[in-house]
C-alpha atoms as a PDB file:
ATOM      1  CA  MET A   1       7.427   2.000  22.753  1.00  0.00           C
ATOM      2  CA  ARG A   2       4.539  -0.984  21.656  1.00  0.00           C
ATOM      3  CA  ASN A   3       5.906  -0.747  18.349  1.00  0.00           C
ATOM      4  CA  THR A   4       9.325   0.253  16.882  1.00  0.00           C
ATOM      5  CA  ILE A   5       7.779   0.497  13.553  1.00  0.00           C
ATOM      6  CA  ASN A   6       3.850   1.734  13.716  1.00  0.00           C
ATOM      7  CA  TRP A   7       3.778   2.527   9.817  1.00  0.00           C
ATOM      8  CA  PHE A   8       5.379   2.553   6.578  1.00  0.00           C
ATOM      9  CA  GLU A   9       5.342   3.839   2.884  1.00  0.00           C
ATOM     10  CA  LEU A  10       5.886   1.616  -0.444  1.00  0.00           C
ATOM     11  CA  PRO A  11       6.731   3.884  -3.280  1.00  0.00           C
ATOM     12  CA  VAL A  12       5.013   3.217  -6.652  1.00  0.00           C
ATOM     13  CA  THR A  13       5.245   5.079  -9.595  1.00  0.00           C
ATOM     14  CA  ASP A  14       1.728   3.126 -11.947  1.00  0.00           C
ATOM     15  CA  PHE A  15      -0.488   3.792  -8.389  1.00  0.00           C
ATOM     16  CA  ASP A  16      -2.830   1.853 -10.231  1.00  0.00           C
ATOM     17  CA  ARG A  17      -0.751  -1.572 -11.209  1.00  0.00           C
ATOM     18  CA  ALA A  18       0.988  -1.315  -7.642  1.00  0.00           C
ATOM     19  CA  LYS A  19      -2.202  -1.526  -5.816  1.00  0.00           C
ATOM     20  CA  LYS A  20      -3.646  -4.380  -8.087  1.00  0.00           C
ATOM     21  CA  PHE A  21      -0.409  -6.126  -7.705  1.00  0.00           C
ATOM     22  CA  TYR A  22      -0.839  -6.294  -3.486  1.00  0.00           C
ATOM     23  CA  GLU A  23      -4.341  -6.652  -4.003  1.00  0.00           C
ATOM     24  CA  ALA A  24      -3.484 -10.405  -5.730  1.00  0.00           C
ATOM     25  CA  ILE A  25      -0.914 -11.605  -3.623  1.00  0.00           C
ATOM     26  CA  PHE A  26      -2.746 -11.453  -0.435  1.00  0.00           C
ATOM     27  CA  GLU A  27      -6.114 -11.309  -2.029  1.00  0.00           C
ATOM     28  CA  VAL A  28      -7.281  -8.513  -0.426  1.00  0.00           C
ATOM     29  CA  LYS A  29      -9.115  -5.267  -1.064  1.00  0.00           C
ATOM     30  CA  MET A  30      -6.880  -2.122  -0.600  1.00  0.00           C
ATOM     31  CA  ASP A  31      -8.650   1.313   0.358  1.00  0.00           C
ATOM     32  CA  ASP A  32      -7.729   4.038  -1.922  1.00  0.00           C
ATOM     33  CA  GLN A  33      -7.326   8.189  -1.588  1.00  0.00           C
ATOM     34  CA  MET A  34      -6.031  11.732  -2.022  1.00  0.00           C
ATOM     35  CA  MET A  35      -4.093  12.717   1.225  1.00  0.00           C
ATOM     36  CA  GLY A  36      -3.346  16.025   0.665  1.00  0.00           C
ATOM     37  CA  PRO A  37      -1.586  15.559  -3.144  1.00  0.00           C
ATOM     38  CA  TYR A  38      -0.075  12.063  -2.335  1.00  0.00           C
ATOM     39  CA  ARG A  39      -2.404   9.075  -3.567  1.00  0.00           C
ATOM     40  CA  MET A  40      -2.532   6.626  -0.933  1.00  0.00           C
ATOM     41  CA  GLY A  41      -4.113   2.872  -0.683  1.00  0.00           C
ATOM     42  CA  PHE A  42      -3.315   1.153   2.494  1.00  0.00           C
ATOM     43  CA  PHE A  43      -3.371  -2.267   3.575  1.00  0.00           C
ATOM     44  CA  PRO A  44      -5.567  -3.654   5.382  1.00  0.00           C
ATOM     45  CA  GLY A  45      -5.149  -4.156   9.448  1.00  0.00           C
ATOM     46  CA  ASP A  46      -6.973  -3.592  12.459  1.00  0.00           C
ATOM     47  CA  GLN A  47      -6.428  -0.023  14.895  1.00  0.00           C
ATOM     48  CA  GLN A  48      -3.947  -2.200  17.268  1.00  0.00           C
ATOM     49  CA  GLY A  49      -1.164  -3.527  15.175  1.00  0.00           C
ATOM     50  CA  VAL A  50       0.837  -1.363  12.192  1.00  0.00           C
ATOM     51  CA  SER A  51       0.263  -0.791   8.896  1.00  0.00           C
ATOM     52  CA  GLY A  52       1.000   0.943   5.709  1.00  0.00           C
ATOM     53  CA  ALA A  53       0.343   1.688   2.279  1.00  0.00           C
ATOM     54  CA  ILE A  54       1.410   2.557  -1.335  1.00  0.00           C
ATOM     55  CA  VAL A  55       1.992   5.927  -1.456  1.00  0.00           C
ATOM     56  CA  HIS A  56       2.496   7.299  -5.553  1.00  0.00           C
ATOM     57  CA  GLY A  57       3.166  10.949  -5.362  1.00  0.00           C
ATOM     58  CA  ASP A  58       6.571  14.317  -5.867  1.00  0.00           C
ATOM     59  CA  GLY A  59       9.299  12.513  -4.042  1.00  0.00           C
ATOM     60  CA  TYR A  60       8.323   8.443  -3.999  1.00  0.00           C
ATOM     61  CA  VAL A  61      10.659   6.859  -5.440  1.00  0.00           C
ATOM     62  CA  PRO A  62      10.253   2.563  -6.018  1.00  0.00           C
ATOM     63  CA  SER A  63      14.390   0.997  -4.621  1.00  0.00           C
ATOM     64  CA  ASP A  64      15.565  -2.081  -4.295  1.00  0.00           C
ATOM     65  CA  LYS A  65      18.217  -0.224  -1.806  1.00  0.00           C
ATOM     66  CA  GLY A  66      16.633   1.729   0.861  1.00  0.00           C
ATOM     67  CA  ALA A  67      15.666  -0.159   3.889  1.00  0.00           C
ATOM     68  CA  MET A  68      13.014  -3.200   3.765  1.00  0.00           C
ATOM     69  CA  VAL A  69      10.113  -4.075   4.995  1.00  0.00           C
ATOM     70  CA  TYR A  70       8.235  -7.293   6.318  1.00  0.00           C
ATOM     71  CA  LEU A  71       4.704  -8.060   5.407  1.00  0.00           C
ATOM     72  CA  ASN A  72       2.989 -10.539   7.376  1.00  0.00           C
ATOM     73  CA  ALA A  73       2.217 -13.342   5.864  1.00  0.00           C
ATOM     74  CA  ASP A  74       1.200 -15.516   8.146  1.00  0.00           C
ATOM     75  CA  GLY A  75       0.706 -19.085   7.389  1.00  0.00           C
ATOM     76  CA  ILE A  76       0.010 -18.328   3.989  1.00  0.00           C
ATOM     77  CA  ILE A  77       3.194 -17.180   2.910  1.00  0.00           C
ATOM     78  CA  ASP A  78       3.698 -19.713   0.440  1.00  0.00           C
ATOM     79  CA  GLU A  79       0.445 -18.983  -0.972  1.00  0.00           C
ATOM     80  CA  VAL A  80       1.757 -15.071  -0.715  1.00  0.00           C
ATOM     81  CA  ILE A  81       4.878 -16.061  -2.926  1.00  0.00           C
ATOM     82  CA  ALA A  82       3.312 -18.402  -5.626  1.00  0.00           C
ATOM     83  CA  ARG A  83       0.273 -15.410  -6.908  1.00  0.00           C
ATOM     84  CA  ILE A  84       3.936 -12.935  -7.180  1.00  0.00           C
ATOM     85  CA  GLY A  85       4.832 -14.229  -9.992  1.00  0.00           C
ATOM     86  CA  LYS A  86       1.631 -14.149 -11.278  1.00  0.00           C
ATOM     87  CA  ALA A  87       0.862 -10.841 -10.246  1.00  0.00           C
ATOM     88  CA  GLY A  88       3.835  -9.706 -12.427  1.00  0.00           C
ATOM     89  CA  GLY A  89       6.675  -9.450  -9.049  1.00  0.00           C
ATOM     90  CA  ASN A  90       9.730 -11.640  -8.960  1.00  0.00           C
ATOM     91  CA  VAL A  91      10.699 -13.975  -6.176  1.00  0.00           C
ATOM     92  CA  VAL A  92      14.508 -13.210  -5.515  1.00  0.00           C
ATOM     93  CA  VAL A  93      14.281 -15.228  -2.307  1.00  0.00           C
ATOM     94  CA  PRO A  94      12.201 -18.067  -2.467  1.00  0.00           C
ATOM     95  CA  ARG A  95      10.953 -19.326   1.940  1.00  0.00           C
ATOM     96  CA  THR A  96      13.885 -19.625   3.822  1.00  0.00           C
ATOM     97  CA  PRO A  97      13.950 -20.523   7.307  1.00  0.00           C
ATOM     98  CA  ILE A  98      15.401 -17.983  10.032  1.00  0.00           C
ATOM     99  CA  THR A  99      15.378 -20.187  12.749  1.00  0.00           C
ATOM    100  CA  PRO A 100      12.597 -22.798  13.883  1.00  0.00           C
ATOM    101  CA  GLU A 101      11.597 -19.882  16.915  1.00  0.00           C
ATOM    102  CA  ILE A 102      11.278 -16.665  14.482  1.00  0.00           C
ATOM    103  CA  GLY A 103       9.642 -18.679  11.361  1.00  0.00           C
ATOM    104  CA  ASP A 104      10.691 -18.872   7.540  1.00  0.00           C
ATOM    105  CA  PHE A 105      10.801 -15.575   4.944  1.00  0.00           C
ATOM    106  CA  ALA A 106      10.918 -14.332   1.312  1.00  0.00           C
ATOM    107  CA  ILE A 107      12.162 -11.538  -0.205  1.00  0.00           C
ATOM    108  CA  PHE A 108      10.236 -10.574  -3.352  1.00  0.00           C
ATOM    109  CA  LEU A 109      10.671  -7.019  -6.042  1.00  0.00           C
ATOM    110  CA  ASP A 110       7.704  -5.656  -6.613  1.00  0.00           C
ATOM    111  CA  THR A 111       5.506  -4.374  -9.703  1.00  0.00           C
ATOM    112  CA  GLU A 112       7.423  -0.995  -9.048  1.00  0.00           C
ATOM    113  CA  GLY A 113      11.369  -2.339  -7.804  1.00  0.00           C
ATOM    114  CA  ASN A 114      10.274  -2.207  -4.082  1.00  0.00           C
ATOM    115  CA  LYS A 115      12.434  -4.936  -2.372  1.00  0.00           C
ATOM    116  CA  VAL A 116       9.945  -6.510  -0.108  1.00  0.00           C
ATOM    117  CA  ALA A 117      10.155  -9.515   2.381  1.00  0.00           C
ATOM    118  CA  LEU A 118       7.824 -11.708   3.402  1.00  0.00           C
ATOM    119  CA  HIS A 119       7.361 -13.387   7.024  1.00  0.00           C
ATOM    120  CA  THR A 120       5.560 -16.280   8.325  1.00  0.00           C
ATOM    121  CA  PRO A 121       6.110 -16.991  12.094  1.00  0.00           C
ATOM    122  CA  PRO A 122       6.082 -20.714  13.261  1.00  0.00           C
ATOM    123  CA  PRO A 123       3.838 -22.667  13.511  1.00  0.00           C
ATOM    124  CA  ARG A 124       1.208 -23.230  16.095  1.00  0.00           C
ATOM    125  CA  LYS A 125       2.015 -25.615  18.742  1.00  0.00           C
END
């Protein structure tokens, strides 16, 4: 097994608002399409790594109580954190060191009420 996680989905109630939020904080374009009855907005990624989507549809209910996804903010965590409030989210744990070997994290609530984390590894030497 190369990765324990290979896909994640963040539930959203207002798809356009959530898509705008994530595009703003990461400064990316998210492609979206209908997958059966679900509208999905895909985080950019290569075919080799883990990726995921925001999803709107029956049974997808945002929450700050369940599993937490850590999104990659490698080398740009401060910039992403700075965009969260402007995009309608709320930082609940500021950038915090984990260990010198692992890097730093932060936690935010997105526009839909999901609790999501950011991670950046330590600077490369």
